[in-house]
PDB file of N, CA and C in Angstrom:
ATOM      1  N   MET A   1      13.323 -12.071   7.339  1.00  0.00           N
ATOM      2  CA  MET A   1      12.896 -10.845   7.506  1.00  0.00           C
ATOM      3  C   MET A   1      13.973 -10.087   7.812  1.00  0.00           C
ATOM      4  N   ILE A   2      13.992  -8.518   6.828  1.00  0.00           N
ATOM      5  CA  ILE A   2      14.936  -7.671   7.038  1.00  0.00           C
ATOM      6  C   ILE A   2      14.081  -6.392   8.560  1.00  0.00           C
ATOM      7  N   ILE A   3      14.876  -6.348   9.197  1.00  0.00           N
ATOM      8  CA  ILE A   3      14.448  -5.112   9.961  1.00  0.00           C
ATOM      9  C   ILE A   3      15.156  -4.087   9.732  1.00  0.00           C
ATOM     10  N   ALA A   4      15.369  -2.585   9.838  1.00  0.00           N
ATOM     11  CA  ALA A   4      15.468  -1.493   9.490  1.00  0.00           C
ATOM     12  C   ALA A   4      15.823  -1.317  10.629  1.00  0.00           C
ATOM     13  N   ILE A   5      17.131  -1.277  11.744  1.00  0.00           N
ATOM     14  CA  ILE A   5      16.914  -0.275  12.673  1.00  0.00           C
ATOM     15  C   ILE A   5      18.070   0.787  12.751  1.00  0.00           C
ATOM     16  N   ASN A   6      17.535   2.169  13.246  1.00  0.00           N
ATOM     17  CA  ASN A   6      18.319   3.607  13.180  1.00  0.00           C
ATOM     18  C   ASN A   6      18.871   3.085  14.337  1.00  0.00           C
ATOM     19  N   GLU A   7      20.436   3.152  14.464  1.00  0.00           N
ATOM     20  CA  GLU A   7      20.944   3.400  15.563  1.00  0.00           C
ATOM     21  C   GLU A   7      21.165   5.170  15.987  1.00  0.00           C
ATOM     22  N   TYR A   8      20.417   5.742  15.551  1.00  0.00           N
ATOM     23  CA  TYR A   8      20.769   7.331  16.215  1.00  0.00           C
ATOM     24  C   TYR A   8      19.529   7.255  16.462  1.00  0.00           C
ATOM     25  N   SER A   9      18.156   6.872  16.344  1.00  0.00           N
ATOM     26  CA  SER A   9      16.664   7.334  16.829  1.00  0.00           C
ATOM     27  C   SER A   9      16.598   7.221  18.262  1.00  0.00           C
ATOM     28  N   ASP A  10      15.697   8.113  18.352  1.00  0.00           N
ATOM     29  CA  ASP A  10      15.354   8.725  19.807  1.00  0.00           C
ATOM     30  C   ASP A  10      14.605   7.206  20.181  1.00  0.00           C
ATOM     31  N   ILE A  11      13.688   6.544  19.341  1.00  0.00           N
ATOM     32  CA  ILE A  11      13.332   5.698  19.732  1.00  0.00           C
ATOM     33  C   ILE A  11      13.874   4.586  19.950  1.00  0.00           C
ATOM     34  N   PRO A  12      13.616   3.658  21.250  1.00  0.00           N
ATOM     35  CA  PRO A  12      14.183   2.100  21.509  1.00  0.00           C
ATOM     36  C   PRO A  12      14.200   1.690  20.407  1.00  0.00           C
ATOM     37  N   ILE A  13      15.321   0.461  20.631  1.00  0.00           N
ATOM     38  CA  ILE A  13      15.527  -0.552  19.575  1.00  0.00           C
ATOM     39  C   ILE A  13      14.818  -1.450  19.412  1.00  0.00           C
ATOM     40  N   TYR A  14      13.927  -1.511  20.549  1.00  0.00           N
ATOM     41  CA  TYR A  14      12.737  -2.611  20.952  1.00  0.00           C
ATOM     42  C   TYR A  14      11.759  -1.913  20.196  1.00  0.00           C
ATOM     43  N   LEU A  15      11.309  -0.797  20.574  1.00  0.00           N
ATOM     44  CA  LEU A  15      10.396  -0.304  19.344  1.00  0.00           C
ATOM     45  C   LEU A  15      10.191  -0.470  18.112  1.00  0.00           C
ATOM     46  N   GLN A  16      11.666   0.026  17.661  1.00  0.00           N
ATOM     47  CA  GLN A  16      11.758  -0.012  16.170  1.00  0.00           C
ATOM     48  C   GLN A  16      11.220  -1.535  15.364  1.00  0.00           C
ATOM     49  N   ILE A  17      11.641  -2.252  16.550  1.00  0.00           N
ATOM     50  CA  ILE A  17      11.718  -3.895  16.170  1.00  0.00           C
ATOM     51  C   ILE A  17      10.098  -3.964  16.296  1.00  0.00           C
ATOM     52  N   ARG A  18       9.473  -3.721  17.140  1.00  0.00           N
ATOM     53  CA  ARG A  18       7.940  -4.113  17.040  1.00  0.00           C
ATOM     54  C   ARG A  18       7.527  -3.085  16.139  1.00  0.00           C
ATOM     55  N   ASN A  19       7.736  -2.163  15.705  1.00  0.00           N
ATOM     56  CA  ASN A  19       7.414  -1.109  14.428  1.00  0.00           C
ATOM     57  C   ASN A  19       7.468  -1.528  13.325  1.00  0.00           C
ATOM     58  N   GLN A  20       8.376  -1.909  12.716  1.00  0.00           N
ATOM     59  CA  GLN A  20       9.010  -3.193  11.724  1.00  0.00           C
ATOM     60  C   GLN A  20       8.168  -4.276  11.566  1.00  0.00           C
ATOM     61  N   ILE A  21       7.611  -4.965  12.433  1.00  0.00           N
ATOM     62  CA  ILE A  21       7.239  -6.272  12.272  1.00  0.00           C
ATOM     63  C   ILE A  21       5.669  -5.770  12.169  1.00  0.00           C
ATOM     64  N   VAL A  22       5.054  -4.779  13.123  1.00  0.00           N
ATOM     65  CA  VAL A  22       4.113  -4.311  12.538  1.00  0.00           C
ATOM     66  C   VAL A  22       3.664  -3.963  10.931  1.00  0.00           C
ATOM     67  N   LEU A  23       4.506  -3.422  11.006  1.00  0.00           N
ATOM     68  CA  LEU A  23       4.497  -2.811   8.956  1.00  0.00           C
ATOM     69  C   LEU A  23       4.515  -3.465   8.233  1.00  0.00           C
ATOM     70  N   GLY A  24       5.449  -4.921   8.501  1.00  0.00           N
ATOM     71  CA  GLY A  24       5.280  -6.458   8.071  1.00  0.00           C
ATOM     72  C   GLY A  24       4.165  -7.020   7.820  1.00  0.00           C
ATOM     73  N   ILE A  25       3.072  -6.796   9.179  1.00  0.00           N
ATOM     74  CA  ILE A  25       2.387  -7.814   8.853  1.00  0.00           C
ATOM     75  C   ILE A  25       1.035  -6.998   8.033  1.00  0.00           C
ATOM     76  N   SER A  26       1.190  -5.662   8.036  1.00  0.00           N
ATOM     77  CA  SER A  26       0.266  -4.318   7.353  1.00  0.00           C
ATOM     78  C   SER A  26       0.622  -4.552   6.038  1.00  0.00           C
ATOM     79  N   ASP A  27       1.625  -4.877   5.696  1.00  0.00           N
ATOM     80  CA  ASP A  27       1.657  -5.027   3.905  1.00  0.00           C
ATOM     81  C   ASP A  27       1.946  -5.821   3.331  1.00  0.00           C
ATOM     82  N   GLY A  28       1.982  -7.070   4.019  1.00  0.00           N
ATOM     83  CA  GLY A  28       1.899  -8.466   3.996  1.00  0.00           C
ATOM     84  C   GLY A  28       3.053  -9.084   3.357  1.00  0.00           C
ATOM     85  N   ARG A  29       4.388  -8.677   3.937  1.00  0.00           N
ATOM     86  CA  ARG A  29       5.323  -9.026   4.018  1.00  0.00           C
ATOM     87  C   ARG A  29       5.424 -10.471   5.055  1.00  0.00           C
ATOM     88  N   LEU A  30       4.552  -9.917   6.193  1.00  0.00           N
ATOM     89  CA  LEU A  30       4.836 -10.774   7.151  1.00  0.00           C
ATOM     90  C   LEU A  30       3.238 -12.191   7.045  1.00  0.00           C
ATOM     91  N   GLN A  31       2.885 -12.848   6.516  1.00  0.00           N
ATOM     92  CA  GLN A  31       2.083 -13.410   6.658  1.00  0.00           C
ATOM     93  C   GLN A  31       1.154 -13.985   7.819  1.00  0.00           C
ATOM     94  N   PRO A  32      -0.108 -14.292   8.422  1.00  0.00           N
ATOM     95  CA  PRO A  32      -0.640 -14.935   9.019  1.00  0.00           C
ATOM     96  C   PRO A  32      -0.366 -16.389   9.178  1.00  0.00           C
ATOM     97  N   GLY A  33       0.094 -17.184  10.690  1.00  0.00           N
ATOM     98  CA  GLY A  33       0.515 -17.849  10.413  1.00  0.00           C
ATOM     99  C   GLY A  33       2.472 -17.895  10.281  1.00  0.00           C
ATOM    100  N   GLU A  34       3.209 -17.192  10.380  1.00  0.00           N
ATOM    101  CA  GLU A  34       4.396 -17.168   9.640  1.00  0.00           C
ATOM    102  C   GLU A  34       5.252 -17.214  10.737  1.00  0.00           C
ATOM    103  N   GLN A  35       6.408 -17.866  10.495  1.00  0.00           N
ATOM    104  CA  GLN A  35       6.836 -18.159  11.924  1.00  0.00           C
ATOM    105  C   GLN A  35       8.235 -16.696  11.868  1.00  0.00           C
ATOM    106  N   LEU A  36       8.122 -16.221  12.795  1.00  0.00           N
ATOM    107  CA  LEU A  36       9.324 -15.100  13.350  1.00  0.00           C
ATOM    108  C   LEU A  36      10.314 -15.886  13.528  1.00  0.00           C
ATOM    109  N   PRO A  37      11.706 -15.113  13.097  1.00  0.00           N
ATOM    110  CA  PRO A  37      13.153 -15.689  13.707  1.00  0.00           C
ATOM    111  C   PRO A  37      13.156 -15.866  15.430  1.00  0.00           C
ATOM    112  N   THR A  38      13.832 -16.910  15.631  1.00  0.00           N
ATOM    113  CA  THR A  38      14.012 -17.118  17.041  1.00  0.00           C
ATOM    114  C   THR A  38      14.541 -15.585  17.825  1.00  0.00           C
ATOM    115  N   VAL A  39      14.076 -15.415  19.029  1.00  0.00           N
ATOM    116  CA  VAL A  39      15.129 -13.883  19.415  1.00  0.00           C
ATOM    117  C   VAL A  39      16.502 -13.908  19.258  1.00  0.00           C
ATOM    118  N   ARG A  40      16.993 -15.117  19.855  1.00  0.00           N
ATOM    119  CA  ARG A  40      18.687 -15.384  19.966  1.00  0.00           C
ATOM    120  C   ARG A  40      18.691 -15.067  18.351  1.00  0.00           C
ATOM    121  N   GLY A  41      18.572 -15.580  17.307  1.00  0.00           N
ATOM    122  CA  GLY A  41      18.722 -15.566  15.846  1.00  0.00           C
ATOM    123  C   GLY A  41      18.678 -14.009  15.482  1.00  0.00           C
ATOM    124  N   LEU A  42      17.474 -13.467  15.618  1.00  0.00           N
ATOM    125  CA  LEU A  42      16.780 -12.362  15.135  1.00  0.00           C
ATOM    126  C   LEU A  42      18.294 -11.162  15.959  1.00  0.00           C
ATOM    127  N   ALA A  43      18.056 -11.363  17.093  1.00  0.00           N
ATOM    128  CA  ALA A  43      18.982 -10.242  17.913  1.00  0.00           C
ATOM    129  C   ALA A  43      20.795 -10.878  17.271  1.00  0.00           C
ATOM    130  N   GLU A  44      21.221 -11.789  16.867  1.00  0.00           N
ATOM    131  CA  GLU A  44      22.403 -12.074  16.333  1.00  0.00           C
ATOM    132  C   GLU A  44      22.314 -11.360  14.891  1.00  0.00           C
ATOM    133  N   GLU A  45      21.725 -11.553  13.926  1.00  0.00           N
ATOM    134  CA  GLU A  45      20.876 -10.986  12.909  1.00  0.00           C
ATOM    135  C   GLU A  45      21.456  -9.157  12.808  1.00  0.00           C
ATOM    136  N   MET A  46      20.993  -9.110  13.854  1.00  0.00           N
ATOM    137  CA  MET A  46      20.830  -6.932  14.309  1.00  0.00           C
ATOM    138  C   MET A  46      21.574  -7.131  14.720  1.00  0.00           C
ATOM    139  N   GLY A  47      22.597  -7.625  15.755  1.00  0.00           N
ATOM    140  CA  GLY A  47      23.960  -7.237  16.385  1.00  0.00           C
ATOM    141  C   GLY A  47      23.299  -6.230  17.659  1.00  0.00           C
ATOM    142  N   VAL A  48      21.634  -6.966  18.139  1.00  0.00           N
ATOM    143  CA  VAL A  48      21.477  -6.476  19.527  1.00  0.00           C
ATOM    144  C   VAL A  48      21.639  -7.402  20.729  1.00  0.00           C
ATOM    145  N   ASN A  49      20.989  -6.712  21.474  1.00  0.00           N
ATOM    146  CA  ASN A  49      21.094  -8.016  22.671  1.00  0.00           C
ATOM    147  C   ASN A  49      19.669  -8.566  22.701  1.00  0.00           C
ATOM    148  N   SER A  50      19.597  -9.660  23.053  1.00  0.00           N
ATOM    149  CA  SER A  50      18.808 -10.593  22.722  1.00  0.00           C
ATOM    150  C   SER A  50      17.431 -10.346  23.783  1.00  0.00           C
ATOM    151  N   MET A  51      18.109  -9.554  24.691  1.00  0.00           N
ATOM    152  CA  MET A  51      16.974  -9.400  25.759  1.00  0.00           C
ATOM    153  C   MET A  51      16.074  -8.156  25.051  1.00  0.00           C
ATOM    154  N   THR A  52      16.292  -7.322  24.198  1.00  0.00           N
ATOM    155  CA  THR A  52      15.830  -6.282  23.569  1.00  0.00           C
ATOM    156  C   THR A  52      14.695  -7.162  22.521  1.00  0.00           C
ATOM    157  N   VAL A  53      15.139  -8.124  21.801  1.00  0.00           N
ATOM    158  CA  VAL A  53      14.330  -8.400  20.966  1.00  0.00           C
ATOM    159  C   VAL A  53      13.260  -9.500  21.682  1.00  0.00           C
ATOM    160  N   ASN A  54      13.180  -9.810  23.066  1.00  0.00           N
ATOM    161  CA  ASN A  54      12.693 -10.683  23.830  1.00  0.00           C
ATOM    162  C   ASN A  54      11.770  -9.641  24.137  1.00  0.00           C
ATOM    163  N   LYS A  55      11.928  -8.428  24.594  1.00  0.00           N
ATOM    164  CA  LYS A  55      11.030  -7.175  24.694  1.00  0.00           C
ATOM    165  C   LYS A  55      10.019  -6.825  23.777  1.00  0.00           C
ATOM    166  N   ALA A  56      10.564  -6.636  22.542  1.00  0.00           N
ATOM    167  CA  ALA A  56       9.620  -6.375  21.568  1.00  0.00           C
ATOM    168  C   ALA A  56       8.864  -7.383  20.848  1.00  0.00           C
ATOM    169  N   TYR A  57       9.492  -8.659  21.331  1.00  0.00           N
ATOM    170  CA  TYR A  57       8.463  -9.815  20.780  1.00  0.00           C
ATOM    171  C   TYR A  57       7.544  -9.880  22.568  1.00  0.00           C
ATOM    172  N   GLN A  58       7.715  -9.720  23.171  1.00  0.00           N
ATOM    173  CA  GLN A  58       6.971  -9.606  24.735  1.00  0.00           C
ATOM    174  C   GLN A  58       5.654  -8.520  24.487  1.00  0.00           C
ATOM    175  N   LEU A  59       6.219  -7.531  23.636  1.00  0.00           N
ATOM    176  CA  LEU A  59       5.431  -6.474  23.530  1.00  0.00           C
ATOM    177  C   LEU A  59       3.934  -6.939  22.258  1.00  0.00           C
ATOM    178  N   LEU A  60       4.464  -7.151  21.266  1.00  0.00           N
ATOM    179  CA  LEU A  60       3.832  -8.135  20.342  1.00  0.00           C
ATOM    180  C   LEU A  60       2.582  -8.909  20.607  1.00  0.00           C
ATOM    181  N   LYS A  61       2.920  -9.827  21.631  1.00  0.00           N
ATOM    182  CA  LYS A  61       2.529 -10.608  21.839  1.00  0.00           C
ATOM    183  C   LYS A  61       1.291  -9.938  22.871  1.00  0.00           C
ATOM    184  N   GLN A  62       1.609  -9.257  23.901  1.00  0.00           N
ATOM    185  CA  GLN A  62       0.667  -8.556  24.560  1.00  0.00           C
ATOM    186  C   GLN A  62      -0.388  -7.781  23.673  1.00  0.00           C
ATOM    187  N   GLU A  63       0.218  -6.953  22.734  1.00  0.00           N
ATOM    188  CA  GLU A  63      -1.033  -6.273  21.357  1.00  0.00           C
ATOM    189  C   GLU A  63      -1.765  -7.328  20.975  1.00  0.00           C
ATOM    190  N   GLY A  64      -1.403  -8.615  20.615  1.00  0.00           N
ATOM    191  CA  GLY A  64      -2.103  -9.326  19.755  1.00  0.00           C
ATOM    192  C   GLY A  64      -2.020  -9.718  18.382  1.00  0.00           C
ATOM    193  N   TYR A  65      -0.081  -9.402  18.335  1.00  0.00           N
ATOM    194  CA  TYR A  65       0.102  -9.480  17.160  1.00  0.00           C
ATOM    195  C   TYR A  65       0.389 -10.844  16.615  1.00  0.00           C
ATOM    196  N   ILE A  66       0.967 -11.188  17.402  1.00  0.00           N
ATOM    197  CA  ILE A  66       1.664 -12.393  17.585  1.00  0.00           C
ATOM    198  C   ILE A  66       1.359 -13.395  18.718  1.00  0.00           C
ATOM    199  N   TYR A  67       1.822 -14.951  18.713  1.00  0.00           N
ATOM    200  CA  TYR A  67       1.143 -15.670  19.535  1.00  0.00           C
ATOM    201  C   TYR A  67       2.714 -16.859  19.736  1.00  0.00           C
ATOM    202  N   THR A  68       3.008 -17.203  20.798  1.00  0.00           N
ATOM    203  CA  THR A  68       4.083 -17.904  21.261  1.00  0.00           C
ATOM    204  C   THR A  68       3.925 -19.415  21.551  1.00  0.00           C
ATOM    205  N   ASP A  69       4.556 -19.943  21.782  1.00  0.00           N
ATOM    206  CA  ASP A  69       4.684 -21.450  22.584  1.00  0.00           C
ATOM    207  C   ASP A  69       6.012 -22.287  22.538  1.00  0.00           C
ATOM    208  N   ARG A  70       6.117 -22.504  23.584  1.00  0.00           N
ATOM    209  CA  ARG A  70       7.776 -23.151  23.444  1.00  0.00           C
ATOM    210  C   ARG A  70       8.597 -23.984  22.508  1.00  0.00           C
ATOM    211  N   ARG A  71       7.614 -24.886  22.296  1.00  0.00           N
ATOM    212  CA  ARG A  71       7.829 -25.824  20.876  1.00  0.00           C
ATOM    213  C   ARG A  71       8.378 -24.947  19.361  1.00  0.00           C
ATOM    214  N   ASN A  72       7.902 -23.924  19.204  1.00  0.00           N
ATOM    215  CA  ASN A  72       7.433 -23.376  17.692  1.00  0.00           C
ATOM    216  C   ASN A  72       7.868 -22.055  17.947  1.00  0.00           C
ATOM    217  N   GLY A  73       8.383 -21.082  18.841  1.00  0.00           N
ATOM    218  CA  GLY A  73       8.561 -20.319  18.928  1.00  0.00           C
ATOM    219  C   GLY A  73       7.475 -18.935  18.482  1.00  0.00           C
ATOM    220  N   ALA A  74       7.637 -18.211  17.756  1.00  0.00           N
ATOM    221  CA  ALA A  74       6.933 -17.370  17.942  1.00  0.00           C
ATOM    222  C   ALA A  74       6.004 -17.074  16.455  1.00  0.00           C
ATOM    223  N   LYS A  75       5.090 -16.878  16.121  1.00  0.00           N
ATOM    224  CA  LYS A  75       4.224 -16.877  14.941  1.00  0.00           C
ATOM    225  C   LYS A  75       3.324 -15.522  14.880  1.00  0.00           C
ATOM    226  N   VAL A  76       3.205 -15.114  13.719  1.00  0.00           N
ATOM    227  CA  VAL A  76       2.158 -13.861  13.484  1.00  0.00           C
ATOM    228  C   VAL A  76       0.680 -14.832  14.147  1.00  0.00           C
ATOM    229  N   ARG A  77       0.220 -14.370  14.214  1.00  0.00           N
ATOM    230  CA  ARG A  77      -1.533 -14.718  14.964  1.00  0.00           C
ATOM    231  C   ARG A  77      -2.019 -15.094  13.280  1.00  0.00           C
ATOM    232  N   GLU A  78      -2.707 -15.918  13.312  1.00  0.00           N
ATOM    233  CA  GLU A  78      -3.989 -15.774  11.940  1.00  0.00           C
ATOM    234  C   GLU A  78      -4.879 -15.223  11.861  1.00  0.00           C
ATOM    235  N   GLN A  79      -5.574 -14.962  12.940  1.00  0.00           N
ATOM    236  CA  GLN A  79      -6.687 -13.830  13.193  1.00  0.00           C
ATOM    237  C   GLN A  79      -6.069 -12.800  13.970  1.00  0.00           C
ATOM    238  N   LEU A  80      -5.985 -11.866  13.402  1.00  0.00           N
ATOM    239  CA  LEU A  80      -6.038 -10.640  14.245  1.00  0.00           C
ATOM    240  C   LEU A  80      -7.554  -9.794  14.465  1.00  0.00           C
ATOM    241  N   ASN A  81      -7.809 -10.237  15.153  1.00  0.00           N
ATOM    242  CA  ASN A  81      -9.640  -9.606  15.820  1.00  0.00           C
ATOM    243  C   ASN A  81      -8.638  -8.296  16.945  1.00  0.00           C
ATOM    244  N   PHE A  82      -8.849  -7.488  16.003  1.00  0.00           N
ATOM    245  CA  PHE A  82      -8.751  -5.820  16.543  1.00  0.00           C
ATOM    246  C   PHE A  82     -10.314  -4.852  16.577  1.00  0.00           C
ATOM    247  N   SER A  83     -10.690  -4.058  17.431  1.00  0.00           N
ATOM    248  CA  SER A  83     -11.501  -3.179  17.228  1.00  0.00           C
ATOM    249  C   SER A  83     -11.219  -2.313  15.994  1.00  0.00           C
ATOM    250  N   PRO A  84     -12.173  -1.809  15.650  1.00  0.00           N
ATOM    251  CA  PRO A  84     -11.711  -0.454  14.660  1.00  0.00           C
ATOM    252  C   PRO A  84     -11.658   0.643  14.893  1.00  0.00           C
ATOM    253  N   GLU A  85     -10.678   1.015  15.840  1.00  0.00           N
ATOM    254  CA  GLU A  85     -10.069   1.467  17.268  1.00  0.00           C
ATOM    255  C   GLU A  85      -9.033   1.718  17.264  1.00  0.00           C
ATOM    256  N   LEU A  86      -8.483   3.417  16.987  1.00  0.00           N
ATOM    257  CA  LEU A  86      -7.044   3.457  17.693  1.00  0.00           C
ATOM    258  C   LEU A  86      -6.549   3.332  18.865  1.00  0.00           C
ATOM    259  N   SER A  87      -5.492   2.696  19.260  1.00  0.00           N
ATOM    260  CA  SER A  87      -4.845   2.961  20.505  1.00  0.00           C
ATOM    261  C   SER A  87      -5.256   4.287  21.187  1.00  0.00           C
ATOM    262  N   GLU A  88      -5.135   4.505  22.525  1.00  0.00           N
ATOM    263  CA  GLU A  88      -4.631   6.191  22.763  1.00  0.00           C
ATOM    264  C   GLU A  88      -3.127   6.095  22.390  1.00  0.00           C
ATOM    265  N   GLU A  89      -2.229   5.350  22.768  1.00  0.00           N
ATOM    266  CA  GLU A  89      -0.924   5.968  21.975  1.00  0.00           C
ATOM    267  C   GLU A  89      -0.768   6.221  20.764  1.00  0.00           C
ATOM    268  N   SER A  90      -1.666   5.249  19.842  1.00  0.00           N
ATOM    269  CA  SER A  90      -1.357   5.752  18.365  1.00  0.00           C
ATOM    270  C   SER A  90      -2.132   7.074  18.171  1.00  0.00           C
ATOM    271  N   ARG A  91      -3.150   7.683  18.758  1.00  0.00           N
ATOM    272  CA  ARG A  91      -3.908   8.960  18.764  1.00  0.00           C
ATOM    273  C   ARG A  91      -3.182   9.541  18.827  1.00  0.00           C
ATOM    274  N   GLU A  92      -2.435   9.218  20.068  1.00  0.00           N
ATOM    275  CA  GLU A  92      -1.377  10.387  20.633  1.00  0.00           C
ATOM    276  C   GLU A  92      -0.155  10.720  19.491  1.00  0.00           C
ATOM    277  N   ALA A  93       0.116   9.565  19.156  1.00  0.00           N
ATOM    278  CA  ALA A  93       1.631   9.949  17.666  1.00  0.00           C
ATOM    279  C   ALA A  93       0.945  10.167  16.447  1.00  0.00           C
ATOM    280  N   LEU A  94      -0.562   9.733  16.250  1.00  0.00           N
ATOM    281  CA  LEU A  94      -0.825  10.547  14.923  1.00  0.00           C
ATOM    282  C   LEU A  94      -1.542  11.953  15.267  1.00  0.00           C
ATOM    283  N   GLN A  95      -1.364  12.278  16.146  1.00  0.00           N
ATOM    284  CA  GLN A  95      -1.819  13.916  16.521  1.00  0.00           C
ATOM    285  C   GLN A  95      -0.769  14.952  16.489  1.00  0.00           C
ATOM    286  N   ARG A  96       0.690  14.119  16.720  1.00  0.00           N
ATOM    287  CA  ARG A  96       1.821  14.720  16.888  1.00  0.00           C
ATOM    288  C   ARG A  96       2.219  14.764  15.609  1.00  0.00           C
ATOM    289  N   VAL A  97       1.870  13.862  14.695  1.00  0.00           N
ATOM    290  CA  VAL A  97       2.376  13.917  13.269  1.00  0.00           C
ATOM    291  C   VAL A  97       1.110  14.434  12.270  1.00  0.00           C
ATOM    292  N   ILE A  98       0.150  15.056  12.900  1.00  0.00           N
ATOM    293  CA  ILE A  98      -0.923  16.479  12.310  1.00  0.00           C
ATOM    294  C   ILE A  98      -0.214  17.664  12.622  1.00  0.00           C
ATOM    295  N   SER A  99       0.361  17.845  13.890  1.00  0.00           N
ATOM    296  CA  SER A  99       0.720  18.974  14.673  1.00  0.00           C
ATOM    297  C   SER A  99       2.006  19.312  13.293  1.00  0.00           C
ATOM    298  N   GLU A 100       2.446  18.295  13.090  1.00  0.00           N
ATOM    299  CA  GLU A 100       4.134  18.894  12.509  1.00  0.00           C
ATOM    300  C   GLU A 100       3.046  18.836  10.970  1.00  0.00           C
ATOM    301  N   ALA A 101       2.794  18.348  10.558  1.00  0.00           N
ATOM    302  CA  ALA A 101       1.928  18.692   9.271  1.00  0.00           C
ATOM    303  C   ALA A 101       1.489  20.046   8.832  1.00  0.00           C
ATOM    304  N   LYS A 102       0.417  20.773  10.033  1.00  0.00           N
ATOM    305  CA  LYS A 102      -0.343  21.785  10.307  1.00  0.00           C
ATOM    306  C   LYS A 102       0.978  23.184  10.348  1.00  0.00           C
ATOM    307  N   ILE A 103       2.159  22.621  11.294  1.00  0.00           N
ATOM    308  CA  ILE A 103       3.527  23.871  11.546  1.00  0.00           C
ATOM    309  C   ILE A 103       3.848  24.126  10.409  1.00  0.00           C
ATOM    310  N   ARG A 104       4.065  22.780   9.028  1.00  0.00           N
ATOM    311  CA  ARG A 104       4.571  22.762   8.205  1.00  0.00           C
ATOM    312  C   ARG A 104       4.058  23.088   6.931  1.00  0.00           C
ATOM    313  N   GLY A 105       2.739  23.813   7.269  1.00  0.00           N
ATOM    314  CA  GLY A 105       1.549  24.438   6.010  1.00  0.00           C
ATOM    315  C   GLY A 105       0.984  23.374   5.408  1.00  0.00           C
ATOM    316  N   ILE A 106       1.176  22.162   5.593  1.00  0.00           N
ATOM    317  CA  ILE A 106       0.496  20.723   4.673  1.00  0.00           C
ATOM    318  C   ILE A 106      -0.962  20.964   4.914  1.00  0.00           C
ATOM    319  N   THR A 107      -1.572  21.090   3.928  1.00  0.00           N
ATOM    320  CA  THR A 107      -3.046  21.270   4.012  1.00  0.00           C
ATOM    321  C   THR A 107      -3.744  20.167   4.009  1.00  0.00           C
ATOM    322  N   LYS A 108      -5.012  20.057   4.367  1.00  0.00           N
ATOM    323  CA  LYS A 108      -5.545  18.596   5.218  1.00  0.00           C
ATOM    324  C   LYS A 108      -5.663  17.861   4.062  1.00  0.00           C
ATOM    325  N   GLU A 109      -6.074  18.708   2.907  1.00  0.00           N
ATOM    326  CA  GLU A 109      -5.847  17.800   2.173  1.00  0.00           C
ATOM    327  C   GLU A 109      -4.932  16.649   1.284  1.00  0.00           C
ATOM    328  N   ASP A 110      -3.665  17.633   1.353  1.00  0.00           N
ATOM    329  CA  ASP A 110      -2.766  17.053   1.105  1.00  0.00           C
ATOM    330  C   ASP A 110      -2.132  15.847   2.050  1.00  0.00           C
ATOM    331  N   PHE A 111      -2.056  15.975   3.269  1.00  0.00           N
ATOM    332  CA  PHE A 111      -2.170  15.613   4.506  1.00  0.00           C
ATOM    333  C   PHE A 111      -3.436  14.051   4.416  1.00  0.00           C
ATOM    334  N   CYS A 112      -3.974  14.088   3.805  1.00  0.00           N
ATOM    335  CA  CYS A 112      -5.312  13.101   3.459  1.00  0.00           C
ATOM    336  C   CYS A 112      -4.314  12.578   2.437  1.00  0.00           C
ATOM    337  N   LYS A 113      -4.056  12.729   1.414  1.00  0.00           N
ATOM    338  CA  LYS A 113      -3.646  11.919   0.070  1.00  0.00           C
ATOM    339  C   LYS A 113      -2.305  11.635   0.444  1.00  0.00           C
ATOM    340  N   ILE A 114      -1.354  11.969   1.441  1.00  0.00           N
ATOM    341  CA  ILE A 114      -0.228  11.344   1.766  1.00  0.00           C
ATOM    342  C   ILE A 114      -0.459   9.954   2.481  1.00  0.00           C
ATOM    343  N   CYS A 115      -1.567  10.493   3.531  1.00  0.00           N
ATOM    344  CA  CYS A 115      -2.095   8.973   4.197  1.00  0.00           C
ATOM    345  C   CYS A 115      -2.696   8.268   3.138  1.00  0.00           C
ATOM    346  N   GLY A 116      -3.684   8.383   2.270  1.00  0.00           N
ATOM    347  CA  GLY A 116      -3.677   7.303   1.597  1.00  0.00           C
ATOM    348  C   GLY A 116      -2.857   6.900   0.804  1.00  0.00           C
ATOM    349  N   LYS A 117      -1.639   7.349   0.675  1.00  0.00           N
ATOM    350  CA  LYS A 117      -0.568   6.284  -0.482  1.00  0.00           C
ATOM    351  C   LYS A 117      -0.122   5.485   0.527  1.00  0.00           C
ATOM    352  N   PHE A 118      -0.312   6.037   2.096  1.00  0.00           N
ATOM    353  CA  PHE A 118       0.491   5.236   3.123  1.00  0.00           C
ATOM    354  C   PHE A 118      -0.561   3.741   3.102  1.00  0.00           C
ATOM    355  N   TYR A 119      -2.017   3.879   3.065  1.00  0.00           N
ATOM    356  CA  TYR A 119      -3.086   3.113   3.547  1.00  0.00           C
ATOM    357  C   TYR A 119      -3.424   1.801   2.744  1.00  0.00           C
ATOM    358  N   GLU A 120      -2.666   2.659   1.461  1.00  0.00           N
ATOM    359  CA  GLU A 120      -2.920   1.258   0.007  1.00  0.00           C
ATOM    360  C   GLU A 120      -1.533  -0.103   0.578  1.00  0.00           C
TER     361      GLU A 120
END
């Protein structure tokens, strides 16, 4: 699994890891039931502290994307049972993106086209 981290980003590394894994689940690179790298293994591969990866995995577990057990480590959940509602945090992030698009003069139609490309 390849996770691209931007060391110069304002987004904390644990959130970047979390976001990359969610993206991998969304676009099919990570399949239901697929084994994730161990905390230590991913930390070594990325050159980050294992506590950073552990924090990302704990957040993913709390949000329901993965499950863990002591014998098999972390795996992508087989059944992702979420309500069809965005979380408050996601709504706020979307509002920021929409606001930026408006300021830059992007029309609603063009914005929806851009979103459509990412949704596929």
